[in-house]
Amino acid sequence: PTVMRYIGEVQDRAAAFRSLCAALGHWHLRGFGPWAI
């Protein structure tokens, strides 16, 4: 909750997995996206 308080809803594992997949998909659709740090 401390990480997500300014970002959005706290995510369970399934939602986080979908979010990670969306990050990878963003690269394919837009040509840029988020990286893991």
All heavy atoms as atom14 arrays in JSON, in Angstrom:
{
  "sequence": "PTVMRYIGEVQDRAAAFRSLCAALGHWHLRGFGPWAI",
  "atom14_mask": [
    [1, 1, 1, 1, 1, 1, 1, 0, 0, 0, 0, 0, 0, 0],
    [1, 1, 1, 1, 1, 1, 1, 0, 0, 0, 0, 0, 0, 0],
    [1, 1, 1, 1, 1, 1, 1, 0, 0, 0, 0, 0, 0, 0],
    [1, 1, 1, 1, 1, 1, 1, 1, 0, 0, 0, 0, 0, 0],
    [1, 1, 1, 1, 1, 1, 1, 1, 1, 1, 1, 0, 0, 0],
    [1, 1, 1, 1, 1, 1, 1, 1, 1, 1, 1, 1, 0, 0],
    [1, 1, 1, 1, 1, 1, 1, 1, 0, 0, 0, 0, 0, 0],
    [1, 1, 1, 1, 0, 0, 0, 0, 0, 0, 0, 0, 0, 0],
    [1, 1, 1, 1, 1, 1, 1, 1, 1, 0, 0, 0, 0, 0],
    [1, 1, 1, 1, 1, 1, 1, 0, 0, 0, 0, 0, 0, 0],
    [1, 1, 1, 1, 1, 1, 1, 1, 1, 0, 0, 0, 0, 0],
    [1, 1, 1, 1, 1, 1, 1, 1, 0, 0, 0, 0, 0, 0],
    [1, 1, 1, 1, 1, 1, 1, 1, 1, 1, 1, 0, 0, 0],
    [1, 1, 1, 1, 1, 0, 0, 0, 0, 0, 0, 0, 0, 0],
    [1, 1, 1, 1, 1, 0, 0, 0, 0, 0, 0, 0, 0, 0],
    [1, 1, 1, 1, 1, 0, 0, 0, 0, 0, 0, 0, 0, 0],
    [1, 1, 1, 1, 1, 1, 1, 1, 1, 1, 1, 0, 0, 0],
    [1, 1, 1, 1, 1, 1, 1, 1, 1, 1, 1, 0, 0, 0],
    [1, 1, 1, 1, 1, 1, 0, 0, 0, 0, 0, 0, 0, 0],
    [1, 1, 1, 1, 1, 1, 1, 1, 0, 0, 0, 0, 0, 0],
    [1, 1, 1, 1, 1, 1, 0, 0, 0, 0, 0, 0, 0, 0],
    [1, 1, 1, 1, 1, 0, 0, 0, 0, 0, 0, 0, 0, 0],
    [1, 1, 1, 1, 1, 0, 0, 0, 0, 0, 0, 0, 0, 0],
    [1, 1, 1, 1, 1, 1, 1, 1, 0, 0, 0, 0, 0, 0],
    [1, 1, 1, 1, 0, 0, 0, 0, 0, 0, 0, 0, 0, 0],
    [1, 1, 1, 1, 1, 1, 1, 1, 1, 1, 0, 0, 0, 0],
    [1, 1, 1, 1, 1, 1, 1, 1, 1, 1, 1, 1, 1, 1],
    [1, 1, 1, 1, 1, 1, 1, 1, 1, 1, 0, 0, 0, 0],
    [1, 1, 1, 1, 1, 1, 1, 1, 0, 0, 0, 0, 0, 0],
    [1, 1, 1, 1, 1, 1, 1, 1, 1, 1, 1, 0, 0, 0],
    [1, 1, 1, 1, 0, 0, 0, 0, 0, 0, 0, 0, 0, 0],
    [1, 1, 1, 1, 1, 1, 1, 1, 1, 1, 1, 0, 0, 0],
    [1, 1, 1, 1, 0, 0, 0, 0, 0, 0, 0, 0, 0, 0],
    [1, 1, 1, 1, 1, 1, 1, 0, 0, 0, 0, 0, 0, 0],
    [1, 1, 1, 1, 1, 1, 1, 1, 1, 1, 1, 1, 1, 1],
    [1, 1, 1, 1, 1, 0, 0, 0, 0, 0, 0, 0, 0, 0],
    [1, 1, 1, 1, 1, 1, 1, 1, 0, 0, 0, 0, 0, 0]
  ],
  "atom14_positions": [
    [[0.81, -1.23, 0.0], [0.0, 0.0, 0.0], [0.84, 1.28, 0.0], [0.41, 2.29, -0.53], [-0.84, -0.1, 1.28], [-0.75, -1.52, 1.71], [0.51, -2.09, 1.14], [0.0, 0.0, 0.0], [0.0, 0.0, 0.0], [0.0, 0.0, 0.0], [0.0, 0.0, 0.0], [0.0, 0.0, 0.0], [0.0, 0.0, 0.0], [0.0, 0.0, 0.0]],
    [[2.03, 1.24, 0.59], [2.86, 2.45, 0.6], [3.39, 2.76, -0.79], [3.55, 3.93, -1.13], [4.04, 2.35, 1.6], [4.88, 1.26, 1.23], [3.52, 2.17, 3.02], [0.0, 0.0, 0.0], [0.0, 0.0, 0.0], [0.0, 0.0, 0.0], [0.0, 0.0, 0.0], [0.0, 0.0, 0.0], [0.0, 0.0, 0.0], [0.0, 0.0, 0.0]],
    [[3.66, 1.75, -1.59], [4.11, 1.96, -2.97], [2.95, 2.46, -3.82], [3.09, 3.4, -4.6], [4.67, 0.65, -3.58], [4.95, 0.82, -5.07], [5.94, 0.23, -2.85], [0.0, 0.0, 0.0], [0.0, 0.0, 0.0], [0.0, 0.0, 0.0], [0.0, 0.0, 0.0], [0.0, 0.0, 0.0], [0.0, 0.0, 0.0], [0.0, 0.0, 0.0]],
    [[1.79, 1.87, -3.64], [0.66, 2.12, -4.53], [-0.19, 3.33, -4.15], [-1.07, 3.72, -4.9], [-0.23, 0.87, -4.6], [0.48, -0.37, -5.12], [1.2, -0.17, -6.78], [-0.29, -0.19, -7.77], [0.0, 0.0, 0.0], [0.0, 0.0, 0.0], [0.0, 0.0, 0.0], [0.0, 0.0, 0.0], [0.0, 0.0, 0.0], [0.0, 0.0, 0.0]],
    [[0.1, 3.98, -3.03], [-0.78, 5.04, -2.55], [-0.95, 6.19, -3.53], [-1.97, 6.87, -3.5], [-0.33, 5.54, -1.18], [0.92, 6.38, -1.21], [1.26, 6.89, 0.18], [2.55, 7.52, 0.1], [3.59, 7.19, 0.83], [3.49, 6.24, 1.71], [4.73, 7.82, 0.67], [0.0, 0.0, 0.0], [0.0, 0.0, 0.0], [0.0, 0.0, 0.0]],
    [[0.03, 6.44, -4.4], [-0.09, 7.52, -5.39], [-0.24, 6.99, -6.81], [-0.23, 7.76, -7.76], [1.13, 8.44, -5.34], [1.37, 9.07, -3.99], [2.58, 8.93, -3.34], [0.36, 9.81, -3.36], [2.81, 9.52, -2.1], [0.58, 10.39, -2.12], [1.81, 10.24, -1.5], [2.03, 10.82, -0.28], [0.0, 0.0, 0.0], [0.0, 0.0, 0.0]],
    [[-0.34, 5.68, -6.94], [-0.36, 5.06, -8.27], [-1.72, 4.51, -8.62], [-2.24, 4.73, -9.72], [0.71, 3.96, -8.36], [2.11, 4.56, -8.17], [0.63, 3.23, -9.7], [3.2, 3.53, -8.01], [0.0, 0.0, 0.0], [0.0, 0.0, 0.0], [0.0, 0.0, 0.0], [0.0, 0.0, 0.0], [0.0, 0.0, 0.0], [0.0, 0.0, 0.0]],
    [[-2.28, 3.74, -7.71], [-3.57, 3.1, -7.98], [-3.87, 2.05, -6.95], [-3.26, 2.02, -5.87], [0.0, 0.0, 0.0], [0.0, 0.0, 0.0], [0.0, 0.0, 0.0], [0.0, 0.0, 0.0], [0.0, 0.0, 0.0], [0.0, 0.0, 0.0], [0.0, 0.0, 0.0], [0.0, 0.0, 0.0], [0.0, 0.0, 0.0], [0.0, 0.0, 0.0]],
    [[-4.79, 1.18, -7.27], [-5.21, 0.13, -6.34], [-4.07, -0.84, -6.08], [-3.3, -1.17, -6.98], [-6.4, -0.64, -6.94], [-7.65, 0.2, -7.14], [-8.26, 0.63, -5.83], [-8.27, -0.17, -4.86], [-8.72, 1.79, -5.76], [0.0, 0.0, 0.0], [0.0, 0.0, 0.0], [0.0, 0.0, 0.0], [0.0, 0.0, 0.0], [0.0, 0.0, 0.0]],
    [[-4.0, -1.31, -4.84], [-3.09, -2.4, -4.5], [-3.49, -3.6, -5.36], [-4.68, -3.85, -5.59], [-3.2, -2.73, -2.99], [-2.48, -4.01, -2.64], [-2.69, -1.55, -2.17], [0.0, 0.0, 0.0], [0.0, 0.0, 0.0], [0.0, 0.0, 0.0], [0.0, 0.0, 0.0], [0.0, 0.0, 0.0], [0.0, 0.0, 0.0], [0.0, 0.0, 0.0]],
    [[-2.5, -4.34, -5.83], [-2.78, -5.45, -6.74], [-2.44, -6.79, -6.09], [-1.41, -6.92, -5.43], [-1.96, -5.32, -8.02], [-2.3, -4.09, -8.83], [-1.42, -3.94, -10.06], [-0.41, -4.62, -10.22], [-1.81, -3.03, -10.94], [0.0, 0.0, 0.0], [0.0, 0.0, 0.0], [0.0, 0.0, 0.0], [0.0, 0.0, 0.0], [0.0, 0.0, 0.0]],
    [[-3.3, -7.77, -6.33], [-2.93, -9.13, -5.96], [-1.98, -9.67, -7.04], [-1.68, -8.99, -8.02], [-4.17, -10.01, -5.76], [-5.0, -10.21, -7.02], [-4.52, -9.94, -8.15], [-6.16, -10.62, -6.89], [0.0, 0.0, 0.0], [0.0, 0.0, 0.0], [0.0, 0.0, 0.0], [0.0, 0.0, 0.0], [0.0, 0.0, 0.0], [0.0, 0.0, 0.0]],
    [[-1.5, -10.88, -6.84], [-0.5, -11.45, -7.77], [-1.03, -11.52, -9.2], [-0.32, -11.19, -10.15], [-0.07, -12.82, -7.28], [1.02, -13.44, -8.13], [1.44, -14.8, -7.58], [2.37, -15.46, -8.46], [3.66, -15.2, -8.53], [4.19, -14.29, -7.75], [4.44, -15.85, -9.38], [0.0, 0.0, 0.0], [0.0, 0.0, 0.0], [0.0, 0.0, 0.0]],
    [[-2.27, -11.93, -9.38], [-2.83, -12.06, -10.73], [-2.9, -10.7, -11.42], [-2.55, -10.57, -12.6], [-4.21, -12.7, -10.67], [0.0, 0.0, 0.0], [0.0, 0.0, 0.0], [0.0, 0.0, 0.0], [0.0, 0.0, 0.0], [0.0, 0.0, 0.0], [0.0, 0.0, 0.0], [0.0, 0.0, 0.0], [0.0, 0.0, 0.0], [0.0, 0.0, 0.0]],
    [[-3.34, -9.67, -10.69], [-3.42, -8.33, -11.28], [-2.02, -7.79, -11.58], [-1.81, -7.13, -12.61], [-4.15, -7.38, -10.34], [0.0, 0.0, 0.0], [0.0, 0.0, 0.0], [0.0, 0.0, 0.0], [0.0, 0.0, 0.0], [0.0, 0.0, 0.0], [0.0, 0.0, 0.0], [0.0, 0.0, 0.0], [0.0, 0.0, 0.0], [0.0, 0.0, 0.0]],
    [[-1.06, -8.06, -10.69], [0.31, -7.63, -10.94], [0.89, -8.32, -12.18], [1.59, -7.69, -12.98], [1.18, -7.9, -9.72], [0.0, 0.0, 0.0], [0.0, 0.0, 0.0], [0.0, 0.0, 0.0], [0.0, 0.0, 0.0], [0.0, 0.0, 0.0], [0.0, 0.0, 0.0], [0.0, 0.0, 0.0], [0.0, 0.0, 0.0], [0.0, 0.0, 0.0]],
    [[0.58, -9.6, -12.35], [1.05, -10.3, -13.55], [0.47, -9.66, -14.81], [1.18, -9.44, -15.79], [0.68, -11.79, -13.48], [1.18, -12.56, -14.67], [2.51, -12.94, -14.75], [0.33, -12.89, -15.7], [2.99, -13.64, -15.86], [0.79, -13.59, -16.81], [2.12, -13.97, -16.89], [0.0, 0.0, 0.0], [0.0, 0.0, 0.0], [0.0, 0.0, 0.0]],
    [[-0.82, -9.33, -14.78], [-1.43, -8.66, -15.93], [-0.79, -7.29, -16.17], [-0.56, -6.9, -17.32], [-2.95, -8.53, -15.73], [-3.69, -9.85, -15.86], [-5.2, -9.68, -15.88], [-5.74, -9.09, -14.67], [-6.06, -9.77, -13.57], [-5.88, -11.08, -13.53], [-6.56, -9.14, -12.52], [0.0, 0.0, 0.0], [0.0, 0.0, 0.0], [0.0, 0.0, 0.0]],
    [[-0.47, -6.58, -15.11], [0.2, -5.29, -15.24], [1.58, -5.44, -15.88], [1.97, -4.65, -16.74], [0.32, -4.65, -13.85], [1.11, -3.49, -13.89], [0.0, 0.0, 0.0], [0.0, 0.0, 0.0], [0.0, 0.0, 0.0], [0.0, 0.0, 0.0], [0.0, 0.0, 0.0], [0.0, 0.0, 0.0], [0.0, 0.0, 0.0], [0.0, 0.0, 0.0]],
    [[2.31, -6.46, -15.45], [3.62, -6.72, -16.05], [3.46, -7.06, -17.53], [4.23, -6.56, -18.37], [4.32, -7.85, -15.29], [5.78, -8.07, -15.59], [6.5, -8.6, -14.35], [5.97, -9.04, -16.73], [0.0, 0.0, 0.0], [0.0, 0.0, 0.0], [0.0, 0.0, 0.0], [0.0, 0.0, 0.0], [0.0, 0.0, 0.0], [0.0, 0.0, 0.0]],
    [[2.48, -7.85, -17.86], [2.23, -8.19, -19.28], [1.86, -6.94, -20.07], [2.29, -6.78, -21.22], [1.12, -9.23, -19.39], [1.59, -10.87, -18.79], [0.0, 0.0, 0.0], [0.0, 0.0, 0.0], [0.0, 0.0, 0.0], [0.0, 0.0, 0.0], [0.0, 0.0, 0.0], [0.0, 0.0, 0.0], [0.0, 0.0, 0.0], [0.0, 0.0, 0.0]],
    [[1.08, -6.04, -19.47], [0.74, -4.79, -20.14], [1.98, -3.95, -20.39], [2.1, -3.3, -21.44], [-0.29, -4.0, -19.31], [0.0, 0.0, 0.0], [0.0, 0.0, 0.0], [0.0, 0.0, 0.0], [0.0, 0.0, 0.0], [0.0, 0.0, 0.0], [0.0, 0.0, 0.0], [0.0, 0.0, 0.0], [0.0, 0.0, 0.0], [0.0, 0.0, 0.0]],
    [[2.92, -3.96, -19.43], [4.17, -3.21, -19.62], [4.93, -3.73, -20.83], [5.43, -2.96, -21.66], [5.03, -3.3, -18.35], [0.0, 0.0, 0.0], [0.0, 0.0, 0.0], [0.0, 0.0, 0.0], [0.0, 0.0, 0.0], [0.0, 0.0, 0.0], [0.0, 0.0, 0.0], [0.0, 0.0, 0.0], [0.0, 0.0, 0.0], [0.0, 0.0, 0.0]],
    [[5.01, -5.05, -20.95], [5.69, -5.64, -22.11], [4.92, -5.36, -23.4], [5.52, -5.04, -24.43], [5.86, -7.14, -21.9], [6.88, -7.53, -20.84], [6.78, -9.01, -20.52], [8.28, -7.16, -21.28], [0.0, 0.0, 0.0], [0.0, 0.0, 0.0], [0.0, 0.0, 0.0], [0.0, 0.0, 0.0], [0.0, 0.0, 0.0], [0.0, 0.0, 0.0]],
    [[3.61, -5.43, -23.34], [2.79, -5.15, -24.52], [2.91, -3.71, -24.98], [2.83, -3.41, -26.18], [0.0, 0.0, 0.0], [0.0, 0.0, 0.0], [0.0, 0.0, 0.0], [0.0, 0.0, 0.0], [0.0, 0.0, 0.0], [0.0, 0.0, 0.0], [0.0, 0.0, 0.0], [0.0, 0.0, 0.0], [0.0, 0.0, 0.0], [0.0, 0.0, 0.0]],
    [[3.1, -2.8, -24.03], [3.25, -1.39, -24.36], [4.42, -1.19, -25.32], [4.34, -0.41, -26.27], [3.45, -0.57, -23.07], [3.1, 0.87, -23.21], [3.9, 1.76, -23.89], [2.05, 1.58, -22.75], [3.35, 2.96, -23.84], [2.22, 2.88, -23.16], [0.0, 0.0, 0.0], [0.0, 0.0, 0.0], [0.0, 0.0, 0.0], [0.0, 0.0, 0.0]],
    [[5.51, -1.91, -25.07], [6.67, -1.83, -25.97], [6.29, -2.23, -27.4], [6.71, -1.6, -28.36], [7.79, -2.74, -25.46], [8.58, -2.13, -24.37], [8.42, -2.32, -23.02], [9.65, -1.2, -24.52], [9.33, -1.55, -22.34], [10.11, -0.87, -23.23], [10.28, -0.62, -25.62], [11.15, 0.02, -23.01], [11.33, 0.26, -25.4], [11.74, 0.58, -24.12]],
    [[5.5, -3.27, -27.52], [5.15, -3.77, -28.85], [4.15, -2.87, -29.57], [4.2, -2.76, -30.8], [4.63, -5.21, -28.74], [5.71, -6.15, -28.31], [6.65, -6.65, -29.15], [6.0, -6.63, -27.08], [7.5, -7.42, -28.49], [7.12, -7.42, -27.23], [0.0, 0.0, 0.0], [0.0, 0.0, 0.0], [0.0, 0.0, 0.0], [0.0, 0.0, 0.0]],
    [[3.28, -2.22, -28.83], [2.28, -1.34, -29.44], [2.79, 0.07, -29.69], [2.44, 0.69, -30.69], [1.02, -1.29, -28.58], [0.25, -2.6, -28.48], [-0.89, -2.46, -27.48], [-0.28, -3.03, -29.85], [0.0, 0.0, 0.0], [0.0, 0.0, 0.0], [0.0, 0.0, 0.0], [0.0, 0.0, 0.0], [0.0, 0.0, 0.0], [0.0, 0.0, 0.0]],
    [[3.6, 0.6, -28.79], [4.04, 1.99, -28.87], [5.5, 2.15, -29.27], [5.92, 3.24, -29.64], [3.83, 2.7, -27.53], [2.4, 2.74, -27.04], [1.69, 3.95, -27.55], [0.46, 4.17, -26.8], [-0.66, 4.55, -27.37], [-0.72, 4.78, -28.66], [-1.74, 4.73, -26.63], [0.0, 0.0, 0.0], [0.0, 0.0, 0.0], [0.0, 0.0, 0.0]],
    [[6.29, 1.09, -29.11], [7.72, 1.21, -29.4], [8.52, 1.72, -28.22], [9.72, 1.97, -28.32], [0.0, 0.0, 0.0], [0.0, 0.0, 0.0], [0.0, 0.0, 0.0], [0.0, 0.0, 0.0], [0.0, 0.0, 0.0], [0.0, 0.0, 0.0], [0.0, 0.0, 0.0], [0.0, 0.0, 0.0], [0.0, 0.0, 0.0], [0.0, 0.0, 0.0]],
    [[7.87, 1.89, -27.08], [8.52, 2.27, -25.82], [7.65, 1.75, -24.69], [6.51, 1.34, -24.91], [8.71, 3.79, -25.7], [7.46, 4.6, -25.89], [6.58, 4.84, -24.84], [7.15, 5.15, -27.13], [5.43, 5.59, -25.02], [6.0, 5.9, -27.33], [5.13, 6.13, -26.26], [0.0, 0.0, 0.0], [0.0, 0.0, 0.0], [0.0, 0.0, 0.0]],
    [[8.19, 1.76, -23.48], [7.42, 1.26, -22.35], [8.25, 1.26, -21.09], [9.33, 1.83, -21.04], [0.0, 0.0, 0.0], [0.0, 0.0, 0.0], [0.0, 0.0, 0.0], [0.0, 0.0, 0.0], [0.0, 0.0, 0.0], [0.0, 0.0, 0.0], [0.0, 0.0, 0.0], [0.0, 0.0, 0.0], [0.0, 0.0, 0.0], [0.0, 0.0, 0.0]],
    [[7.74, 0.6, -20.05], [8.46, 0.53, -18.78], [9.52, -0.59, -18.79], [9.37, -1.61, -19.45], [7.38, 0.19, -17.75], [6.08, 0.31, -18.47], [6.36, 0.16, -19.92], [0.0, 0.0, 0.0], [0.0, 0.0, 0.0], [0.0, 0.0, 0.0], [0.0, 0.0, 0.0], [0.0, 0.0, 0.0], [0.0, 0.0, 0.0], [0.0, 0.0, 0.0]],
    [[10.56, -0.34, -18.03], [11.6, -1.34, -17.78], [11.51, -1.8, -16.34], [11.03, -1.08, -15.47], [13.0, -0.71, -17.93], [13.44, -0.32, -19.28], [14.04, -1.12, -20.22], [13.39, 0.99, -19.87], [14.35, -0.38, -21.34], [13.96, 0.91, -21.15], [12.91, 2.23, -19.44], [14.07, 2.02, -22.0], [13.01, 3.32, -20.27], [13.59, 3.2, -21.54]],
    [[12.07, -2.98, -16.08], [12.36, -3.4, -14.71], [13.64, -2.66, -14.31], [14.52, -2.42, -15.15], [12.59, -4.9, -14.65], [0.0, 0.0, 0.0], [0.0, 0.0, 0.0], [0.0, 0.0, 0.0], [0.0, 0.0, 0.0], [0.0, 0.0, 0.0], [0.0, 0.0, 0.0], [0.0, 0.0, 0.0], [0.0, 0.0, 0.0], [0.0, 0.0, 0.0]],
    [[13.73, -2.29, -13.04], [14.93, -1.62, -12.54], [15.63, -2.56, -11.57], [15.0, -3.11, -10.67], [14.6, -0.33, -11.77], [13.71, 0.59, -12.58], [15.88, 0.39, -11.34], [13.11, 1.71, -11.73], [0.0, 0.0, 0.0], [0.0, 0.0, 0.0], [0.0, 0.0, 0.0], [0.0, 0.0, 0.0], [0.0, 0.0, 0.0], [0.0, 0.0, 0.0]]
  ]
}
